[in-house]
Amino acid sequence: ILYAAMGVQPRCGVAHDLGVQLSESGHLLVDAHGRTNVPQVYAAGDVVEGLAQLSVAAAQGATAATAMHQFLLRFAFCDTASPA
């Protein structure tokens, strides 16, 4: 069973504590790849600004996971001491 819960506020306390920017509605602000303004912090689903639907959340999760995977691959093959 699936249902919509209109008017629900996202719980973004941990992200807020990390310094992630929030929209006026209290959702996390992310780019097209799910990256927040805080390095190495990604978000997807109903905590981000946008259309709150299951199919959209699944696509956002896949996009963010791909971006994280690409980041980790770049980091693994770089000679830097820490990820950027």
N, C-alpha and C. Protein backbone atom coordinates (compact mmCIF):
# COMPACT_ATOMS: atom_id res chain seq x y z
N ILE A 1 0.85 -1.18 0.00
CA ILE A 1 0.00 0.00 0.00
C ILE A 1 0.89 1.23 0.00
N LEU A 2 0.61 2.14 -0.90
CA LEU A 2 1.32 3.42 -0.96
C LEU A 2 0.33 4.53 -0.69
N TYR A 3 0.79 5.58 -0.06
CA TYR A 3 -0.08 6.71 0.19
C TYR A 3 0.76 7.99 0.20
N ALA A 4 0.13 9.09 0.00
CA ALA A 4 0.79 10.40 0.04
C ALA A 4 0.51 11.06 1.38
N ALA A 5 1.50 11.70 1.92
CA ALA A 5 1.34 12.44 3.17
C ALA A 5 1.63 13.90 2.88
N MET A 6 0.63 14.65 2.61
CA MET A 6 0.79 16.05 2.25
C MET A 6 1.02 16.90 3.50
N GLY A 7 1.88 17.89 3.37
CA GLY A 7 2.11 18.81 4.48
C GLY A 7 3.08 18.32 5.53
N VAL A 8 3.76 17.22 5.29
CA VAL A 8 4.70 16.68 6.26
C VAL A 8 6.04 17.41 6.12
N GLN A 9 6.64 17.79 7.24
CA GLN A 9 7.93 18.47 7.22
C GLN A 9 9.06 17.45 7.30
N PRO A 10 10.10 17.63 6.48
CA PRO A 10 11.23 16.68 6.52
C PRO A 10 12.01 16.81 7.83
N ARG A 11 12.58 15.72 8.26
CA ARG A 11 13.43 15.72 9.45
C ARG A 11 14.87 15.82 8.97
N CYS A 12 15.43 17.01 9.06
CA CYS A 12 16.76 17.29 8.51
C CYS A 12 17.73 17.75 9.60
N GLY A 13 17.49 17.34 10.84
CA GLY A 13 18.32 17.81 11.95
C GLY A 13 19.80 17.52 11.79
N VAL A 14 20.14 16.30 11.39
CA VAL A 14 21.55 15.92 11.22
C VAL A 14 22.17 16.74 10.10
N ALA A 15 21.47 16.86 8.99
CA ALA A 15 21.98 17.63 7.86
C ALA A 15 22.15 19.10 8.27
N HIS A 16 21.19 19.63 8.99
CA HIS A 16 21.28 21.01 9.46
C HIS A 16 22.50 21.18 10.35
N ASP A 17 22.73 20.22 11.25
CA ASP A 17 23.90 20.28 12.14
C ASP A 17 25.21 20.24 11.35
N LEU A 18 25.20 19.58 10.19
CA LEU A 18 26.40 19.51 9.35
C LEU A 18 26.60 20.79 8.53
N GLY A 19 25.59 21.65 8.49
CA GLY A 19 25.68 22.90 7.75
C GLY A 19 25.09 22.85 6.36
N VAL A 20 24.28 21.84 6.07
CA VAL A 20 23.64 21.74 4.76
C VAL A 20 22.61 22.86 4.63
N GLN A 21 22.61 23.52 3.48
CA GLN A 21 21.66 24.60 3.24
C GLN A 21 20.26 24.04 3.09
N LEU A 22 19.31 24.75 3.68
CA LEU A 22 17.90 24.38 3.61
C LEU A 22 17.13 25.40 2.80
N SER A 23 16.08 24.93 2.15
CA SER A 23 15.19 25.83 1.44
C SER A 23 14.27 26.52 2.45
N GLU A 24 13.47 27.45 1.98
CA GLU A 24 12.52 28.13 2.86
C GLU A 24 11.51 27.16 3.46
N SER A 25 11.24 26.07 2.74
CA SER A 25 10.27 25.08 3.24
C SER A 25 10.91 24.07 4.18
N GLY A 26 12.24 24.16 4.39
CA GLY A 26 12.92 23.25 5.31
C GLY A 26 13.51 22.02 4.65
N HIS A 27 13.47 21.95 3.33
CA HIS A 27 14.05 20.82 2.60
C HIS A 27 15.52 21.08 2.30
N LEU A 28 16.29 20.02 2.09
CA LEU A 28 17.70 20.17 1.76
C LEU A 28 17.85 20.63 0.31
N LEU A 29 18.80 21.52 0.08
CA LEU A 29 19.08 21.98 -1.27
C LEU A 29 20.21 21.13 -1.84
N VAL A 30 19.98 20.56 -3.01
CA VAL A 30 20.97 19.71 -3.67
C VAL A 30 21.08 20.11 -5.13
N ASP A 31 22.20 19.70 -5.76
CA ASP A 31 22.34 19.93 -7.19
C ASP A 31 21.73 18.75 -7.95
N ALA A 32 21.92 18.70 -9.24
CA ALA A 32 21.31 17.66 -10.08
C ALA A 32 21.84 16.26 -9.76
N HIS A 33 22.95 16.19 -9.01
CA HIS A 33 23.54 14.89 -8.67
C HIS A 33 23.32 14.53 -7.21
N GLY A 34 22.51 15.29 -6.50
CA GLY A 34 22.21 15.00 -5.10
C GLY A 34 23.24 15.54 -4.13
N ARG A 35 24.21 16.34 -4.63
CA ARG A 35 25.24 16.90 -3.74
C ARG A 35 24.69 18.12 -3.02
N THR A 36 24.98 18.20 -1.74
CA THR A 36 24.62 19.38 -0.96
C THR A 36 25.78 20.36 -1.02
N ASN A 37 25.66 21.48 -0.31
CA ASN A 37 26.75 22.45 -0.24
C ASN A 37 27.89 21.98 0.64
N VAL A 38 27.68 20.91 1.40
CA VAL A 38 28.72 20.36 2.27
C VAL A 38 29.42 19.24 1.52
N PRO A 39 30.76 19.33 1.36
CA PRO A 39 31.47 18.29 0.62
C PRO A 39 31.19 16.90 1.18
N GLN A 40 30.96 15.95 0.29
CA GLN A 40 30.75 14.54 0.60
C GLN A 40 29.43 14.25 1.31
N VAL A 41 28.50 15.19 1.28
CA VAL A 41 27.17 14.97 1.84
C VAL A 41 26.16 15.02 0.69
N TYR A 42 25.46 13.93 0.49
CA TYR A 42 24.48 13.78 -0.59
C TYR A 42 23.11 13.55 0.04
N ALA A 43 22.08 13.87 -0.71
CA ALA A 43 20.72 13.66 -0.21
C ALA A 43 19.78 13.34 -1.36
N ALA A 44 18.72 12.61 -1.05
CA ALA A 44 17.72 12.24 -2.04
C ALA A 44 16.41 11.94 -1.32
N GLY A 45 15.33 11.96 -2.08
CA GLY A 45 14.03 11.58 -1.54
C GLY A 45 13.25 12.75 -0.97
N ASP A 46 12.42 12.48 0.00
CA ASP A 46 11.50 13.50 0.47
C ASP A 46 12.14 14.56 1.36
N VAL A 47 13.44 14.44 1.66
CA VAL A 47 14.11 15.50 2.43
C VAL A 47 14.64 16.60 1.52
N VAL A 48 14.66 16.38 0.20
CA VAL A 48 15.15 17.40 -0.72
C VAL A 48 13.99 18.17 -1.33
N GLU A 49 14.29 19.36 -1.78
CA GLU A 49 13.28 20.20 -2.42
C GLU A 49 12.84 19.56 -3.73
N GLY A 50 11.55 19.50 -3.99
CA GLY A 50 11.06 18.95 -5.25
C GLY A 50 9.82 18.10 -5.06
N LEU A 51 9.49 17.37 -6.11
CA LEU A 51 8.31 16.53 -6.14
C LEU A 51 8.50 15.31 -5.24
N ALA A 52 7.68 15.17 -4.22
CA ALA A 52 7.81 14.08 -3.25
C ALA A 52 6.98 12.88 -3.71
N GLN A 53 7.56 12.08 -4.58
CA GLN A 53 6.91 10.86 -5.04
C GLN A 53 7.92 9.73 -5.02
N LEU A 54 7.43 8.52 -4.83
CA LEU A 54 8.29 7.36 -4.70
C LEU A 54 9.20 7.18 -5.92
N SER A 55 8.66 7.30 -7.10
CA SER A 55 9.47 7.11 -8.31
C SER A 55 10.55 8.19 -8.43
N VAL A 56 10.23 9.42 -8.03
CA VAL A 56 11.21 10.50 -8.06
C VAL A 56 12.30 10.24 -7.03
N ALA A 57 11.92 9.80 -5.84
CA ALA A 57 12.90 9.50 -4.80
C ALA A 57 13.84 8.37 -5.22
N ALA A 58 13.30 7.36 -5.86
CA ALA A 58 14.14 6.25 -6.34
C ALA A 58 15.14 6.74 -7.38
N ALA A 59 14.70 7.57 -8.29
CA ALA A 59 15.60 8.12 -9.31
C ALA A 59 16.65 9.02 -8.67
N GLN A 60 16.25 9.84 -7.71
CA GLN A 60 17.21 10.69 -7.02
C GLN A 60 18.25 9.85 -6.28
N GLY A 61 17.80 8.78 -5.66
CA GLY A 61 18.72 7.90 -4.95
C GLY A 61 19.73 7.26 -5.89
N ALA A 62 19.26 6.82 -7.05
CA ALA A 62 20.16 6.21 -8.04
C ALA A 62 21.15 7.24 -8.56
N THR A 63 20.69 8.45 -8.79
CA THR A 63 21.57 9.52 -9.29
C THR A 63 22.62 9.87 -8.24
N ALA A 64 22.20 10.03 -6.99
CA ALA A 64 23.14 10.35 -5.92
C ALA A 64 24.14 9.21 -5.71
N ALA A 65 23.67 7.98 -5.77
CA ALA A 65 24.57 6.83 -5.60
C ALA A 65 25.62 6.79 -6.71
N THR A 66 25.22 7.10 -7.93
CA THR A 66 26.17 7.14 -9.04
C THR A 66 27.20 8.24 -8.82
N ALA A 67 26.76 9.41 -8.38
CA ALA A 67 27.68 10.52 -8.11
C ALA A 67 28.66 10.16 -7.00
N MET A 68 28.17 9.50 -5.94
CA MET A 68 29.06 9.07 -4.86
C MET A 68 30.07 8.04 -5.36
N HIS A 69 29.61 7.12 -6.16
CA HIS A 69 30.49 6.09 -6.71
C HIS A 69 31.58 6.72 -7.56
N GLN A 70 31.21 7.67 -8.41
CA GLN A 70 32.20 8.36 -9.24
C GLN A 70 33.20 9.14 -8.38
N PHE A 71 32.72 9.78 -7.33
CA PHE A 71 33.60 10.50 -6.41
C PHE A 71 34.60 9.54 -5.78
N LEU A 72 34.11 8.41 -5.29
CA LEU A 72 34.99 7.44 -4.65
C LEU A 72 36.01 6.86 -5.63
N LEU A 73 35.62 6.63 -6.86
CA LEU A 73 36.56 6.14 -7.86
C LEU A 73 37.65 7.18 -8.13
N ARG A 74 37.26 8.45 -8.26
CA ARG A 74 38.25 9.50 -8.48
C ARG A 74 39.20 9.60 -7.29
N PHE A 75 38.66 9.53 -6.08
CA PHE A 75 39.47 9.63 -4.87
C PHE A 75 40.43 8.45 -4.77
N ALA A 76 39.97 7.26 -5.11
CA ALA A 76 40.81 6.05 -5.01
C ALA A 76 42.00 6.10 -5.95
N PHE A 77 41.87 6.81 -7.07
CA PHE A 77 42.94 6.84 -8.05
C PHE A 77 43.72 8.15 -8.05
N CYS A 78 43.46 9.00 -7.06
CA CYS A 78 44.19 10.27 -6.95
C CYS A 78 45.28 10.13 -5.91
N ASP A 79 46.27 10.99 -5.98
CA ASP A 79 47.37 10.99 -5.00
C ASP A 79 47.14 12.00 -3.89
N THR A 80 45.91 12.43 -3.69
CA THR A 80 45.62 13.43 -2.66
C THR A 80 45.47 12.74 -1.32
N ALA A 81 45.71 13.52 -0.26
CA ALA A 81 45.63 12.98 1.09
C ALA A 81 44.19 12.87 1.58
N SER A 82 43.31 13.71 1.07
CA SER A 82 41.91 13.65 1.50
C SER A 82 41.00 14.00 0.35
N PRO A 83 39.77 13.51 0.38
CA PRO A 83 38.82 13.80 -0.69
C PRO A 83 38.43 15.26 -0.70
N ALA A 84 38.13 15.78 -1.87
CA ALA A 84 37.70 17.19 -1.98
C ALA A 84 36.21 17.27 -2.11
